[in-house]
């Protein structure tokens, strides 16, 4: 992404994150999940990478379901997501491409940890990750 493409995203990202905060404050889980999805869609709409957007939409249903499971019943994870979103917004507003890439990568990576925490909080065993491709990994 170029610096010129980052700044126009800021208002949409702020609006989605503000809606997520408002829903969280009201205890509106569905509203928080919808606002979270709107935040991610705003990122994709403005990324300028058509292939990335197409790849995302191929898994959007599953990704959205996971976010709903993760964010939904867990206030601490919703708070963490809002905080991560604020960091993302800050980097976009500043036009700091390298920092934006780092913060976005951290946000995506935190999904796995959040999912594990949610599963553990629900008293379930974490399912085996059949979807990851890892060099040298051989499933039996």
Protein backbone atom coordinates (compact mmCIF):
# COMPACT_ATOMS: atom_id res chain seq x y z
CA UNK A 1 0.00 0.00 0.00
CA UNK A 2 1.20 3.47 -0.71
CA UNK A 3 0.91 6.34 1.74
CA UNK A 4 -1.68 7.97 -0.51
CA UNK A 5 -4.00 4.96 -0.20
CA UNK A 6 -3.80 4.79 3.59
CA UNK A 7 -5.29 8.09 4.69
CA UNK A 8 -8.71 7.69 3.00
CA UNK A 9 -9.27 4.50 5.02
CA UNK A 10 -9.04 6.29 8.34
CA UNK A 11 -12.66 7.58 8.55
CA UNK A 12 -14.21 4.20 7.69
CA UNK A 13 -11.95 2.40 10.14
CA UNK A 14 -12.73 4.91 12.90
CA UNK A 15 -16.47 4.62 12.26
CA UNK A 16 -16.41 0.81 12.42
CA UNK A 17 -14.30 0.80 15.58
CA UNK A 18 -16.52 3.43 17.22
CA UNK A 19 -19.56 1.25 16.42
CA UNK A 20 -17.77 -1.73 17.94
CA UNK A 21 -17.02 0.25 21.11
CA UNK A 22 -20.64 1.44 21.36
CA UNK A 23 -21.99 -2.07 20.88
CA UNK A 24 -19.56 -3.40 23.47
CA UNK A 25 -20.66 -0.73 25.96
CA UNK A 26 -24.31 -1.76 25.47
CA UNK A 27 -23.54 -5.46 25.69
CA UNK A 28 -24.68 -5.86 22.08
CA UNK A 29 -22.65 -8.88 21.00
CA UNK A 30 -24.15 -9.09 17.51
CA UNK A 31 -23.55 -5.38 16.95
CA UNK A 32 -19.93 -5.75 18.06
CA UNK A 33 -19.42 -8.66 15.66
CA UNK A 34 -21.03 -6.73 12.79
CA UNK A 35 -18.86 -3.69 13.49
CA UNK A 36 -15.76 -5.91 13.64
CA UNK A 37 -16.65 -7.33 10.23
CA UNK A 38 -17.19 -3.78 8.90
CA UNK A 39 -13.72 -2.83 10.12
CA UNK A 40 -12.11 -5.72 8.24
CA UNK A 41 -14.17 -5.01 5.11
CA UNK A 42 -13.07 -1.36 5.19
CA UNK A 43 -9.45 -2.54 5.23
CA UNK A 44 -10.09 -4.76 2.23
CA UNK A 45 -12.04 -2.13 0.33
CA UNK A 46 -9.13 0.25 0.61
CA UNK A 47 -6.20 -2.11 0.26
CA UNK A 48 -5.90 -1.76 -3.50
CA UNK A 49 -4.98 -5.43 -3.78
CA UNK A 50 -7.69 -7.18 -5.72
CA UNK A 51 -6.14 -10.63 -5.26
CA UNK A 52 -6.00 -10.19 -1.49
CA UNK A 53 -9.63 -9.05 -1.43
CA UNK A 54 -10.69 -12.04 -3.56
CA UNK A 55 -8.75 -14.44 -1.34
CA UNK A 56 -10.37 -12.95 1.76
CA UNK A 57 -13.87 -13.29 0.35
CA UNK A 58 -13.21 -16.96 -0.38
CA UNK A 59 -12.82 -17.56 3.38
CA UNK A 60 -14.95 -14.68 4.68
CA UNK A 61 -17.77 -16.92 5.90
CA UNK A 62 -15.51 -19.10 7.99
CA UNK A 63 -13.45 -16.15 9.17
CA UNK A 64 -16.58 -14.27 10.18
CA UNK A 65 -17.94 -17.28 12.04
CA UNK A 66 -14.67 -17.66 13.94
CA UNK A 67 -14.64 -13.96 14.82
CA UNK A 68 -18.22 -14.25 16.08
CA UNK A 69 -17.33 -17.26 18.21
CA UNK A 70 -14.22 -15.55 19.52
CA UNK A 71 -15.48 -12.02 20.01
CA UNK A 72 -19.07 -12.79 20.89
CA UNK A 73 -19.10 -14.14 24.42
CA UNK A 74 -15.73 -12.82 25.57
CA UNK A 75 -15.63 -9.18 26.68
CA UNK A 76 -11.86 -9.23 27.26
CA UNK A 77 -11.22 -10.36 23.69
CA UNK A 78 -13.64 -7.70 22.33
CA UNK A 79 -11.72 -5.08 24.32
CA UNK A 80 -8.43 -6.39 22.95
CA UNK A 81 -9.77 -6.23 19.39
CA UNK A 82 -10.88 -2.62 19.83
CA UNK A 83 -7.42 -1.74 21.17
CA UNK A 84 -5.73 -3.49 18.25
CA UNK A 85 -8.05 -1.68 15.85
CA UNK A 86 -7.08 1.65 17.44
CA UNK A 87 -3.41 0.86 16.79
CA UNK A 88 -4.23 0.00 13.17
CA UNK A 89 -6.16 3.25 12.73
CA UNK A 90 -3.27 5.22 14.20
CA UNK A 91 -0.78 3.74 11.73
CA UNK A 92 -3.08 4.44 8.79
CA UNK A 93 -3.71 8.01 9.94
CA UNK A 94 0.06 8.52 10.27
CA UNK A 95 0.71 6.97 6.86
CA UNK A 96 3.37 4.72 8.39
CA UNK A 97 3.34 1.81 5.94
CA UNK A 98 5.93 -0.37 7.67
CA UNK A 99 4.29 0.02 11.06
CA UNK A 100 0.85 -0.59 9.52
CA UNK A 101 2.07 -3.88 8.06
CA UNK A 102 3.51 -4.93 11.42
CA UNK A 103 0.40 -3.99 13.40
CA UNK A 104 -1.91 -5.69 10.88
CA UNK A 105 0.21 -8.83 11.01
CA UNK A 106 0.03 -8.85 14.81
CA UNK A 107 -3.75 -8.39 14.68
CA UNK A 108 -4.20 -11.31 12.29
CA UNK A 109 -1.82 -13.47 14.34
CA UNK A 110 -3.73 -12.75 17.54
CA UNK A 111 -6.75 -14.55 16.06
CA UNK A 112 -5.21 -17.93 16.81
CA UNK A 113 -4.44 -16.97 20.42
CA UNK A 114 -7.91 -15.45 20.89
CA UNK A 115 -9.54 -18.58 19.52
CA UNK A 116 -7.55 -20.80 21.89
CA UNK A 117 -8.52 -18.58 24.84
CA UNK A 118 -12.18 -18.67 23.85
CA UNK A 119 -12.18 -22.44 23.46
CA UNK A 120 -10.43 -22.83 26.82
CA UNK A 121 -12.89 -20.44 28.50
CA UNK A 122 -15.75 -22.55 27.13
CA UNK A 123 -14.19 -25.66 28.69
CA UNK A 124 -13.56 -27.33 25.34
CA UNK A 125 -10.45 -28.93 23.95
CA UNK A 126 -8.94 -26.97 21.08
CA UNK A 127 -9.52 -28.79 17.80
CA UNK A 128 -6.53 -29.97 15.85
CA UNK A 129 -5.52 -27.44 13.22
CA UNK A 130 -6.01 -29.27 9.94
CA UNK A 131 -5.83 -26.12 7.83
CA UNK A 132 -2.34 -24.88 8.54
CA UNK A 133 0.40 -25.49 6.07
CA UNK A 134 3.68 -25.81 7.88
CA UNK A 135 7.01 -26.64 6.24
CA UNK A 136 8.18 -30.12 7.14
CA UNK A 137 4.86 -31.05 8.78
CA UNK A 138 3.57 -34.50 8.00
CA UNK A 139 0.17 -35.55 9.24
CA UNK A 140 -0.29 -39.19 10.12
